[in-house]
Amino acid sequence: MERDLSWKMFFQRWPATIPKVGIVVTSLNEPIAFSSFQVSEQMVLLERDRPDTSGARSIIVPWHEITIVKLTSPIDPAQFKDMGFKPLS
């Protein structure tokens, strides 16, 4: 349950200054590249700019199925503060 809330908060706090592109890795170890996303209470809708091998352009993933999020754009570390990250002091 804690992992669910962590990923939900991460996506909900996504700053407008960071492109909504990256890769979500699911609990089945499936990497899903995305070019945009939308959130709901229980899931994230990942949108792709090209279809995957099965022809899908939109993938709906429950929060609890996300294990890793990889960001593919160069990002200034200060921008992560809006997502809840802070440097160690």
C-alpha atoms as a PDB file:
ATOM      1  CA  MET A   1       0.000   0.000   0.000  1.00  0.00           C
ATOM      2  CA  GLU A   2       2.845   2.406   0.801  1.00  0.00           C
ATOM      3  CA  ARG A   3       4.378   1.882  -2.655  1.00  0.00           C
ATOM      4  CA  ASP A   4       0.963   2.732  -4.189  1.00  0.00           C
ATOM      5  CA  LEU A   5       0.886   6.099  -2.429  1.00  0.00           C
ATOM      6  CA  SER A   6       4.516   6.851  -3.240  1.00  0.00           C
ATOM      7  CA  TRP A   7       4.074   6.451  -7.001  1.00  0.00           C
ATOM      8  CA  LYS A   8       0.727   8.213  -6.950  1.00  0.00           C
ATOM      9  CA  MET A   9       2.268  11.226  -5.179  1.00  0.00           C
ATOM     10  CA  PHE A  10       5.270  11.143  -7.522  1.00  0.00           C
ATOM     11  CA  PHE A  11       3.109  11.392 -10.645  1.00  0.00           C
ATOM     12  CA  GLN A  12       0.638  13.866  -9.116  1.00  0.00           C
ATOM     13  CA  ARG A  13       3.490  16.218  -8.150  1.00  0.00           C
ATOM     14  CA  TRP A  14       5.127  16.069 -11.588  1.00  0.00           C
ATOM     15  CA  PRO A  15       6.263  19.670 -12.316  1.00  0.00           C
ATOM     16  CA  ALA A  16       5.109  21.313 -15.546  1.00  0.00           C
ATOM     17  CA  THR A  17       8.769  22.160 -16.255  1.00  0.00           C
ATOM     18  CA  ILE A  18       9.731  18.472 -16.555  1.00  0.00           C
ATOM     19  CA  PRO A  19       8.692  16.701 -19.774  1.00  0.00           C
ATOM     20  CA  LYS A  20       6.180  13.896 -19.145  1.00  0.00           C
ATOM     21  CA  VAL A  21       8.393  11.265 -20.769  1.00  0.00           C
ATOM     22  CA  GLY A  22      10.070   8.234 -19.325  1.00  0.00           C
ATOM     23  CA  ILE A  23       9.806   4.526 -18.720  1.00  0.00           C
ATOM     24  CA  VAL A  24       7.682   2.738 -16.130  1.00  0.00           C
ATOM     25  CA  VAL A  25       8.797  -0.761 -15.162  1.00  0.00           C
ATOM     26  CA  THR A  26       6.022  -2.986 -13.834  1.00  0.00           C
ATOM     27  CA  SER A  27       6.125  -5.763 -11.248  1.00  0.00           C
ATOM     28  CA  LEU A  28       6.244  -8.201 -14.200  1.00  0.00           C
ATOM     29  CA  ASN A  29       9.518  -6.515 -15.232  1.00  0.00           C
ATOM     30  CA  GLU A  30       7.844  -5.013 -18.313  1.00  0.00           C
ATOM     31  CA  PRO A  31       9.295  -1.643 -19.362  1.00  0.00           C
ATOM     32  CA  ILE A  32       6.667   0.762 -20.709  1.00  0.00           C
ATOM     33  CA  ALA A  33       7.972   3.876 -22.462  1.00  0.00           C
ATOM     34  CA  PHE A  34       5.595   6.830 -22.225  1.00  0.00           C
ATOM     35  CA  SER A  35       5.350  10.273 -23.818  1.00  0.00           C
ATOM     36  CA  SER A  36       2.580  11.593 -21.572  1.00  0.00           C
ATOM     37  CA  PHE A  37       0.356  10.425 -18.731  1.00  0.00           C
ATOM     38  CA  GLN A  38      -2.830  11.064 -16.784  1.00  0.00           C
ATOM     39  CA  VAL A  39      -3.607   9.996 -13.220  1.00  0.00           C
ATOM     40  CA  SER A  40      -6.637   8.682 -11.366  1.00  0.00           C
ATOM     41  CA  GLU A  41      -7.069   7.584  -7.767  1.00  0.00           C
ATOM     42  CA  GLN A  42      -6.154   3.961  -8.490  1.00  0.00           C
ATOM     43  CA  MET A  43      -4.127   4.016 -11.733  1.00  0.00           C
ATOM     44  CA  VAL A  44      -1.959   5.903 -14.192  1.00  0.00           C
ATOM     45  CA  LEU A  45      -2.757   6.125 -17.904  1.00  0.00           C
ATOM     46  CA  LEU A  46       0.500   6.024 -19.856  1.00  0.00           C
ATOM     47  CA  GLU A  47       0.397   7.332 -23.402  1.00  0.00           C
ATOM     48  CA  ARG A  48       2.885   6.287 -26.070  1.00  0.00           C
ATOM     49  CA  ASP A  49       3.840   8.174 -29.233  1.00  0.00           C
ATOM     50  CA  ARG A  50       4.239   4.847 -31.084  1.00  0.00           C
ATOM     51  CA  PRO A  51       2.341   1.588 -30.588  1.00  0.00           C
ATOM     52  CA  ASP A  52       4.022  -1.225 -28.695  1.00  0.00           C
ATOM     53  CA  THR A  53       4.478  -4.711 -30.199  1.00  0.00           C
ATOM     54  CA  SER A  54       0.816  -5.533 -29.568  1.00  0.00           C
ATOM     55  CA  GLY A  55      -0.386  -2.269 -31.167  1.00  0.00           C
ATOM     56  CA  ALA A  56      -1.281  -0.463 -27.918  1.00  0.00           C
ATOM     57  CA  ARG A  57      -0.721   3.286 -27.586  1.00  0.00           C
ATOM     58  CA  SER A  58      -2.330   3.706 -24.152  1.00  0.00           C
ATOM     59  CA  ILE A  59      -1.577   1.526 -21.136  1.00  0.00           C
ATOM     60  CA  ILE A  60      -3.382   1.698 -17.800  1.00  0.00           C
ATOM     61  CA  VAL A  61      -1.256   0.563 -14.850  1.00  0.00           C
ATOM     62  CA  PRO A  62      -2.448   0.240 -11.234  1.00  0.00           C
ATOM     63  CA  TRP A  63      -0.192   2.130  -8.809  1.00  0.00           C
ATOM     64  CA  HIS A  64       0.791  -1.070  -6.977  1.00  0.00           C
ATOM     65  CA  GLU A  65       2.193  -2.595 -10.205  1.00  0.00           C
ATOM     66  CA  ILE A  66       4.855   0.114 -10.656  1.00  0.00           C
ATOM     67  CA  THR A  67       8.303  -0.862  -9.397  1.00  0.00           C
ATOM     68  CA  ILE A  68      10.592   1.675 -11.112  1.00  0.00           C
ATOM     69  CA  VAL A  69      10.224   4.942 -13.020  1.00  0.00           C
ATOM     70  CA  LYS A  70      13.062   5.963 -15.332  1.00  0.00           C
ATOM     71  CA  LEU A  71      13.251   9.556 -16.550  1.00  0.00           C
ATOM     72  CA  THR A  72      14.733   9.949 -20.001  1.00  0.00           C
ATOM     73  CA  SER A  73      15.037  13.758 -20.232  1.00  0.00           C
ATOM     74  CA  PRO A  74      17.935  15.764 -18.775  1.00  0.00           C
ATOM     75  CA  ILE A  75      16.597  17.386 -15.607  1.00  0.00           C
ATOM     76  CA  ASP A  76      18.022  20.032 -13.299  1.00  0.00           C
ATOM     77  CA  PRO A  77      18.206  18.396  -9.837  1.00  0.00           C
ATOM     78  CA  ALA A  78      16.468  21.419  -8.280  1.00  0.00           C
ATOM     79  CA  GLN A  79      13.313  20.533 -10.240  1.00  0.00           C
ATOM     80  CA  PHE A  80      12.906  17.349  -8.196  1.00  0.00           C
ATOM     81  CA  LYS A  81      11.992  19.403  -5.101  1.00  0.00           C
ATOM     82  CA  ASP A  82       8.449  19.812  -6.435  1.00  0.00           C
ATOM     83  CA  MET A  83       8.204  16.009  -6.539  1.00  0.00           C
ATOM     84  CA  GLY A  84       9.055  15.788  -2.849  1.00  0.00           C
ATOM     85  CA  PHE A  85      12.813  15.156  -3.079  1.00  0.00           C
ATOM     86  CA  LYS A  86      15.370  17.066  -1.043  1.00  0.00           C
ATOM     87  CA  PRO A  87      19.160  16.903  -0.724  1.00  0.00           C
ATOM     88  CA  LEU A  88      20.725  15.333   2.345  1.00  0.00           C
ATOM     89  CA  SER A  89      22.236  17.831   4.730  1.00  0.00           C
END
